C-alpha atoms as a PDB file:
ATOM      1  CA  UNK A   1      73.708 192.787 -23.284  1.00  0.00           C
ATOM      2  CA  UNK A   2      71.238 195.038 -25.066  1.00  0.00           C
ATOM      3  CA  UNK A   3      74.047 196.460 -27.237  1.00  0.00           C
ATOM      4  CA  UNK A   4      75.135 192.949 -28.264  1.00  0.00           C
ATOM      5  CA  UNK A   5      71.568 192.090 -29.188  1.00  0.00           C
ATOM      6  CA  UNK A   6      71.287 195.250 -31.300  1.00  0.00           C
ATOM      7  CA  UNK A   7      74.590 194.479 -33.042  1.00  0.00           C
ATOM      8  CA  UNK A   8      73.403 190.952 -33.886  1.00  0.00           C
ATOM      9  CA  UNK A   9      70.114 192.342 -35.215  1.00  0.00           C
ATOM     10  CA  UNK A  10      71.962 194.891 -37.404  1.00  0.00           C
ATOM     11  CA  UNK A  11      74.265 192.175 -38.762  1.00  0.00           C
ATOM     12  CA  UNK A  12      71.259 189.966 -39.545  1.00  0.00           C
ATOM     13  CA  UNK A  13      69.508 192.829 -41.357  1.00  0.00           C
ATOM     14  CA  UNK A  14      72.634 193.731 -43.331  1.00  0.00           C
ATOM     15  CA  UNK A  15      73.133 190.080 -44.235  1.00  0.00           C
ATOM     16  CA  UNK A  16      69.548 189.760 -45.472  1.00  0.00           C
ATOM     17  CA  UNK A  17      69.843 192.953 -47.508  1.00  0.00           C
ATOM     18  CA  UNK A  18      73.135 191.768 -48.994  1.00  0.00           C
ATOM     19  CA  UNK A  19      71.635 188.420 -50.017  1.00  0.00           C
ATOM     20  CA  UNK A  20      68.585 190.124 -51.546  1.00  0.00           C
ATOM     21  CA  UNK A  21      70.700 192.594 -53.501  1.00  0.00           C
ATOM     22  CA  UNK A  22      73.120 190.007 -54.817  1.00  0.00           C
ATOM     23  CA  UNK A  23      70.338 187.591 -55.731  1.00  0.00           C
ATOM     24  CA  UNK A  24      68.471 190.236 -57.702  1.00  0.00           C
ATOM     25  CA  UNK A  25      71.528 191.573 -59.452  1.00  0.00           C
ATOM     26  CA  UNK A  26      72.794 190.675 -62.893  1.00  0.00           C
ATOM     27  CA  UNK A  27      74.113 187.124 -63.093  1.00  0.00           C
ATOM     28  CA  UNK A  28      74.884 184.578 -65.726  1.00  0.00           C
ATOM     29  CA  UNK A  29      71.413 183.480 -66.963  1.00  0.00           C
ATOM     30  CA  UNK A  30      72.745 179.965 -67.506  1.00  0.00           C
ATOM     31  CA  UNK A  31      73.969 179.622 -63.950  1.00  0.00           C
ATOM     32  CA  UNK A  32      71.918 177.151 -61.872  1.00  0.00           C
ATOM     33  CA  UNK A  33      72.746 179.075 -58.731  1.00  0.00           C
ATOM     34  CA  UNK A  34      73.686 177.456 -55.443  1.00  0.00           C
ATOM     35  CA  UNK A  35      72.062 174.103 -54.713  1.00  0.00           C
ATOM     36  CA  UNK A  36      71.701 172.963 -51.131  1.00  0.00           C
ATOM     37  CA  UNK A  37      72.429 169.223 -50.786  1.00  0.00           C
ATOM     38  CA  UNK A  38      71.652 168.329 -54.431  1.00  0.00           C
ATOM     39  CA  UNK A  39      72.203 164.643 -53.710  1.00  0.00           C
ATOM     40  CA  UNK A  40      68.950 164.693 -51.744  1.00  0.00           C
ATOM     41  CA  UNK A  41      66.797 165.261 -54.810  1.00  0.00           C
ATOM     42  CA  UNK A  42      68.893 164.458 -57.898  1.00  0.00           C
ATOM     43  CA  UNK A  43      68.774 160.780 -58.826  1.00  0.00           C
ATOM     44  CA  UNK A  44      71.907 159.083 -60.198  1.00  0.00           C
ATOM     45  CA  UNK A  45      72.194 158.775 -63.965  1.00  0.00           C
ATOM     46  CA  UNK A  46      72.419 155.318 -65.549  1.00  0.00           C
ATOM     47  CA  UNK A  47      73.486 154.352 -69.036  1.00  0.00           C
ATOM     48  CA  UNK A  48      70.735 152.993 -71.294  1.00  0.00           C
ATOM     49  CA  UNK A  49      70.610 149.196 -71.696  1.00  0.00           C
ATOM     50  CA  UNK A  50      72.989 148.628 -68.813  1.00  0.00           C
ATOM     51  CA  UNK A  51      73.158 146.977 -65.408  1.00  0.00           C
ATOM     52  CA  UNK A  52      73.917 149.206 -62.430  1.00  0.00           C
ATOM     53  CA  UNK A  53      74.753 148.624 -58.785  1.00  0.00           C
ATOM     54  CA  UNK A  54      72.803 150.227 -55.931  1.00  0.00           C
ATOM     55  CA  UNK A  55      74.743 150.385 -52.666  1.00  0.00           C
ATOM     56  CA  UNK A  56      73.059 149.900 -49.286  1.00  0.00           C
ATOM     57  CA  UNK A  57      74.196 151.158 -45.899  1.00  0.00           C
ATOM     58  CA  UNK A  58      75.032 147.610 -44.784  1.00  0.00           C
ATOM     59  CA  UNK A  59      77.602 147.313 -47.576  1.00  0.00           C
ATOM     60  CA  UNK A  60      75.534 145.092 -49.851  1.00  0.00           C
ATOM     61  CA  UNK A  61      74.604 145.855 -53.464  1.00  0.00           C
ATOM     62  CA  UNK A  62      71.596 145.276 -55.683  1.00  0.00           C
ATOM     63  CA  UNK A  63      71.885 144.872 -59.438  1.00  0.00           C
ATOM     64  CA  UNK A  64      69.181 146.670 -61.427  1.00  0.00           C
ATOM     65  CA  UNK A  65      68.354 146.859 -65.121  1.00  0.00           C
ATOM     66  CA  UNK A  66      67.877 150.310 -66.612  1.00  0.00           C
ATOM     67  CA  UNK A  67      65.327 148.908 -69.093  1.00  0.00           C
ATOM     68  CA  UNK A  68      62.502 147.062 -67.366  1.00  0.00           C
ATOM     69  CA  UNK A  69      60.125 144.707 -69.141  1.00  0.00           C
ATOM     70  CA  UNK A  70      56.398 145.420 -68.712  1.00  0.00           C
ATOM     71  CA  UNK A  71      54.436 143.310 -66.256  1.00  0.00           C
ATOM     72  CA  UNK A  72      53.284 140.042 -67.822  1.00  0.00           C
ATOM     73  CA  UNK A  73      49.851 140.338 -69.420  1.00  0.00           C
ATOM     74  CA  UNK A  74      49.878 144.137 -69.735  1.00  0.00           C
ATOM     75  CA  UNK A  75      49.047 145.863 -73.019  1.00  0.00           C
ATOM     76  CA  UNK A  76      50.389 149.268 -73.960  1.00  0.00           C
ATOM     77  CA  UNK A  77      47.809 152.019 -74.317  1.00  0.00           C
ATOM     78  CA  UNK A  78      46.511 152.240 -77.878  1.00  0.00           C
ATOM     79  CA  UNK A  79      48.129 148.929 -78.854  1.00  0.00           C
ATOM     80  CA  UNK A  80      45.989 146.131 -80.253  1.00  0.00           C
ATOM     81  CA  UNK A  81      47.664 142.731 -79.968  1.00  0.00           C
ATOM     82  CA  UNK A  82      48.022 140.618 -83.100  1.00  0.00           C
ATOM     83  CA  UNK A  83      45.836 137.546 -82.494  1.00  0.00           C
ATOM     84  CA  UNK A  84      47.547 135.091 -84.862  1.00  0.00           C
ATOM     85  CA  UNK A  85      50.478 133.056 -83.552  1.00  0.00           C
ATOM     86  CA  UNK A  86      53.769 132.642 -85.334  1.00  0.00           C
ATOM     87  CA  UNK A  87      53.233 129.048 -86.429  1.00  0.00           C
ATOM     88  CA  UNK A  88      51.507 127.079 -89.174  1.00  0.00           C
ATOM     89  CA  UNK A  89      48.123 127.347 -87.456  1.00  0.00           C
ATOM     90  CA  UNK A  90      48.390 131.122 -87.074  1.00  0.00           C
ATOM     91  CA  UNK A  91      49.527 131.453 -90.675  1.00  0.00           C
ATOM     92  CA  UNK A  92      46.563 129.421 -91.918  1.00  0.00           C
ATOM     93  CA  UNK A  93      44.057 131.319 -89.771  1.00  0.00           C
ATOM     94  CA  UNK A  94      45.450 134.667 -90.880  1.00  0.00           C
ATOM     95  CA  UNK A  95      44.930 133.638 -94.485  1.00  0.00           C
ATOM     96  CA  UNK A  96      41.372 132.569 -93.751  1.00  0.00           C
ATOM     97  CA  UNK A  97      40.114 135.329 -91.472  1.00  0.00           C
ATOM     98  CA  UNK A  98      42.427 138.355 -91.756  1.00  0.00           C
ATOM     99  CA  UNK A  99      41.515 141.003 -94.331  1.00  0.00           C
ATOM    100  CA  UNK A 100      42.598 144.546 -95.088  1.00  0.00           C
ATOM    101  CA  UNK A 101      40.513 146.964 -92.968  1.00  0.00           C
ATOM    102  CA  UNK A 102      41.656 150.030 -94.926  1.00  0.00           C
ATOM    103  CA  UNK A 103      39.855 151.429 -97.974  1.00  0.00           C
ATOM    104  CA  UNK A 104      41.675 151.032-101.274  1.00  0.00           C
ATOM    105  CA  UNK A 105      42.332 154.650-102.189  1.00  0.00           C
ATOM    106  CA  UNK A 106      44.884 156.307-104.418  1.00  0.00           C
ATOM    107  CA  UNK A 107      46.519 157.923-101.387  1.00  0.00           C
ATOM    108  CA  UNK A 108      46.889 154.580 -99.582  1.00  0.00           C
ATOM    109  CA  UNK A 109      48.289 152.857-102.667  1.00  0.00           C
ATOM    110  CA  UNK A 110      50.762 155.703-103.251  1.00  0.00           C
ATOM    111  CA  UNK A 111      51.938 155.502 -99.652  1.00  0.00           C
ATOM    112  CA  UNK A 112      52.270 151.742-100.055  1.00  0.00           C
ATOM    113  CA  UNK A 113      54.439 152.315-103.125  1.00  0.00           C
ATOM    114  CA  UNK A 114      56.708 154.692-101.183  1.00  0.00           C
ATOM    115  CA  UNK A 115      57.057 152.183 -98.337  1.00  0.00           C
ATOM    116  CA  UNK A 116      57.699 149.375-100.803  1.00  0.00           C
ATOM    117  CA  UNK A 117      60.551 151.410-102.261  1.00  0.00           C
ATOM    118  CA  UNK A 118      62.117 151.769 -98.803  1.00  0.00           C
ATOM    119  CA  UNK A 119      61.696 148.296 -97.354  1.00  0.00           C
ATOM    120  CA  UNK A 120      60.940 145.769-100.120  1.00  0.00           C
ATOM    121  CA  UNK A 121      62.437 146.754-103.461  1.00  0.00           C
ATOM    122  CA  UNK A 122      66.001 145.708-102.583  1.00  0.00           C
ATOM    123  CA  UNK A 123      64.938 142.046-102.538  1.00  0.00           C
ATOM    124  CA  UNK A 124      61.669 141.858-104.471  1.00  0.00           C
ATOM    125  CA  UNK A 125      62.623 144.289-107.241  1.00  0.00           C
ATOM    126  CA  UNK A 126      60.723 147.287-108.566  1.00  0.00           C
ATOM    127  CA  UNK A 127      58.087 145.117-110.278  1.00  0.00           C
ATOM    128  CA  UNK A 128      58.003 142.333-107.711  1.00  0.00           C
ATOM    129  CA  UNK A 129      59.822 139.754-109.826  1.00  0.00           C
ATOM    130  CA  UNK A 130      62.346 138.893-107.111  1.00  0.00           C
ATOM    131  CA  UNK A 131      65.180 140.580-108.998  1.00  0.00           C
ATOM    132  CA  UNK A 132      66.241 143.230-106.478  1.00  0.00           C
ATOM    133  CA  UNK A 133      69.921 144.078-105.982  1.00  0.00           C
ATOM    134  CA  UNK A 134      70.089 142.023-102.781  1.00  0.00           C
ATOM    135  CA  UNK A 135      68.207 139.051-104.236  1.00  0.00           C
ATOM    136  CA  UNK A 136      71.219 137.940-106.267  1.00  0.00           C
ATOM    137  CA  UNK A 137      73.226 137.477-103.074  1.00  0.00           C
ATOM    138  CA  UNK A 138      70.615 135.246-101.435  1.00  0.00           C
ATOM    139  CA  UNK A 139      70.622 131.422-101.607  1.00  0.00           C
ATOM    140  CA  UNK A 140      67.515 131.758-103.741  1.00  0.00           C
ATOM    141  CA  UNK A 141      65.610 134.809-105.049  1.00  0.00           C
ATOM    142  CA  UNK A 142      62.169 135.673-103.627  1.00  0.00           C
ATOM    143  CA  UNK A 143      59.250 134.237-105.621  1.00  0.00           C
ATOM    144  CA  UNK A 144      57.674 136.470-108.231  1.00  0.00           C
ATOM    145  CA  UNK A 145      54.529 138.346-107.217  1.00  0.00           C
ATOM    146  CA  UNK A 146      52.955 137.291-110.498  1.00  0.00           C
ATOM    147  CA  UNK A 147      53.953 133.644-110.138  1.00  0.00           C
ATOM    148  CA  UNK A 148      51.382 130.976-109.230  1.00  0.00           C
ATOM    149  CA  UNK A 149      52.390 130.787-105.553  1.00  0.00           C
ATOM    150  CA  UNK A 150      52.012 134.470-104.634  1.00  0.00           C
ATOM    151  CA  UNK A 151      49.112 135.135-107.001  1.00  0.00           C
ATOM    152  CA  UNK A 152      47.128 132.618-104.951  1.00  0.00           C
ATOM    153  CA  UNK A 153      48.368 133.927-101.585  1.00  0.00           C
ATOM    154  CA  UNK A 154      45.591 135.488 -99.438  1.00  0.00           C
ATOM    155  CA  UNK A 155      46.204 138.996 -98.164  1.00  0.00           C
ATOM    156  CA  UNK A 156      46.021 137.748 -94.575  1.00  0.00           C
ATOM    157  CA  UNK A 157      48.997 135.466 -95.172  1.00  0.00           C
ATOM    158  CA  UNK A 158      50.858 138.380 -96.746  1.00  0.00           C
ATOM    159  CA  UNK A 159      50.250 140.447 -93.621  1.00  0.00           C
ATOM    160  CA  UNK A 160      51.288 137.546 -91.399  1.00  0.00           C
ATOM    161  CA  UNK A 161      54.536 137.138 -93.345  1.00  0.00           C
ATOM    162  CA  UNK A 162      55.380 140.842 -93.122  1.00  0.00           C
ATOM    163  CA  UNK A 163      54.616 140.759 -89.397  1.00  0.00           C
ATOM    164  CA  UNK A 164      56.634 137.690 -88.409  1.00  0.00           C
ATOM    165  CA  UNK A 165      58.838 137.040 -91.407  1.00  0.00           C
ATOM    166  CA  UNK A 166      59.046 133.787 -93.356  1.00  0.00           C
ATOM    167  CA  UNK A 167      61.951 131.749 -94.707  1.00  0.00           C
ATOM    168  CA  UNK A 168      64.726 134.229 -95.643  1.00  0.00           C
ATOM    169  CA  UNK A 169      62.503 137.261 -95.102  1.00  0.00           C
ATOM    170  CA  UNK A 170      62.736 138.746 -91.636  1.00  0.00           C
ATOM    171  CA  UNK A 171      59.999 140.437 -89.623  1.00  0.00           C
ATOM    172  CA  UNK A 172      59.170 144.014 -90.633  1.00  0.00           C
ATOM    173  CA  UNK A 173      56.857 144.677 -87.679  1.00  0.00           C
ATOM    174  CA  UNK A 174      59.354 147.090 -86.116  1.00  0.00           C
ATOM    175  CA  UNK A 175      59.703 149.098 -89.342  1.00  0.00           C
ATOM    176  CA  UNK A 176      56.093 149.141 -90.539  1.00  0.00           C
ATOM    177  CA  UNK A 177      52.976 149.840 -88.512  1.00  0.00           C
ATOM    178  CA  UNK A 178      49.898 147.692 -89.082  1.00  0.00           C
ATOM    179  CA  UNK A 179      48.334 150.265 -91.394  1.00  0.00           C
ATOM    180  CA  UNK A 180      51.583 150.623 -93.320  1.00  0.00           C
ATOM    181  CA  UNK A 181      51.771 146.863 -93.825  1.00  0.00           C
ATOM    182  CA  UNK A 182      48.304 146.879 -95.352  1.00  0.00           C
ATOM    183  CA  UNK A 183      49.250 149.770 -97.631  1.00  0.00           C
ATOM    184  CA  UNK A 184      52.278 147.832 -98.865  1.00  0.00           C
ATOM    185  CA  UNK A 185      49.968 144.904 -99.623  1.00  0.00           C
ATOM    186  CA  UNK A 186      47.688 147.253-101.575  1.00  0.00           C
ATOM    187  CA  UNK A 187      50.640 148.223-103.738  1.00  0.00           C
ATOM    188  CA  UNK A 188      51.627 144.575-104.176  1.00  0.00           C
ATOM    189  CA  UNK A 189      48.108 143.915-105.469  1.00  0.00           C
ATOM    190  CA  UNK A 190      48.598 146.769-107.917  1.00  0.00           C
ATOM    191  CA  UNK A 191      51.761 145.061-109.188  1.00  0.00           C
ATOM    192  CA  UNK A 192      49.897 141.778-109.443  1.00  0.00           C
ATOM    193  CA  UNK A 193      46.825 143.256-111.096  1.00  0.00           C
ATOM    194  CA  UNK A 194      47.883 146.388-113.023  1.00  0.00           C
ATOM    195  CA  UNK A 195      44.382 146.601-114.540  1.00  0.00           C
ATOM    196  CA  UNK A 196      42.633 146.151-111.213  1.00  0.00           C
ATOM    197  CA  UNK A 197      41.824 143.075-109.154  1.00  0.00           C
ATOM    198  CA  UNK A 198      39.369 140.630-110.755  1.00  0.00           C
ATOM    199  CA  UNK A 199      35.752 141.032-109.682  1.00  0.00           C
ATOM    200  CA  UNK A 200      35.737 137.485-108.301  1.00  0.00           C
ATOM    201  CA  UNK A 201      38.679 138.211-105.996  1.00  0.00           C
ATOM    202  CA  UNK A 202      37.129 141.440-104.710  1.00  0.00           C
ATOM    203  CA  UNK A 203      33.748 139.757-104.169  1.00  0.00           C
ATOM    204  CA  UNK A 204      35.410 136.858-102.321  1.00  0.00           C
ATOM    205  CA  UNK A 205      37.252 139.272-100.035  1.00  0.00           C
ATOM    206  CA  UNK A 206      34.070 141.243 -99.314  1.00  0.00           C
ATOM    207  CA  UNK A 207      32.096 138.066 -98.640  1.00  0.00           C
ATOM    208  CA  UNK A 208      34.771 136.845 -96.230  1.00  0.00           C
ATOM    209  CA  UNK A 209      34.633 140.124 -94.305  1.00  0.00           C
ATOM    210  CA  UNK A 210      30.837 139.875 -94.043  1.00  0.00           C
ATOM    211  CA  UNK A 211      31.139 136.258 -92.878  1.00  0.00           C
ATOM    212  CA  UNK A 212      33.557 137.231 -90.123  1.00  0.00           C
ATOM    213  CA  UNK A 213      31.331 140.107 -88.979  1.00  0.00           C
ATOM    214  CA  UNK A 214      28.349 137.757 -88.929  1.00  0.00           C
ATOM    215  CA  UNK A 215      30.210 135.245 -86.750  1.00  0.00           C
ATOM    216  CA  UNK A 216      31.272 138.025 -84.385  1.00  0.00           C
ATOM    217  CA  UNK A 217      27.672 139.222 -84.002  1.00  0.00           C
ATOM    218  CA  UNK A 218      26.489 135.652 -83.417  1.00  0.00           C
ATOM    219  CA  UNK A 219      28.998 135.228 -80.607  1.00  0.00           C
ATOM    220  CA  UNK A 220      27.908 138.495 -78.974  1.00  0.00           C
ATOM    221  CA  UNK A 221      24.282 137.423 -79.116  1.00  0.00           C
END
């Protein structure tokens, strides 16, 4: 009995040494090695934007979506919701209360010009006259930036239109961030006022911003 025990002990030692030697030897560096019951810790892979079936032990199935919508009322971290609704009331309020928060600098205007060339020029044209290459294929060309309608359009309504879209123009909210939308508007103002915006327009915009800040402080008080 003692001899059998010794033989088993020797075999166990030799087995351990063999495993240690082989595991420390030279192997393919890309080899994942041997996995013990990988199905216990590797989740199944699903295709994006698809429905998948989950089987249960009782033979029933559950259908799941690979893309889940966020819980109602939640806001993504770092995201500020746009407060103006996509209707006539929201459009009017945006024109009245919404103003460009960014400083008008050469860098911002230049970036606005670059963005305009990527997302706007094909319809509005290089000078904003509605003569882009795509405009001729539309039921009607976009209005000129220097025409009476758009010259009188507040910057808040411009932002609202870029955000939601209007008439034949679709929403650009997925292509342009909020700051980028304002920079495009800066460049549009440059096209409208090549010699600089009139003092009256700048003063009106500044006064409106002060009025809004004053109302906000009054509400806090």
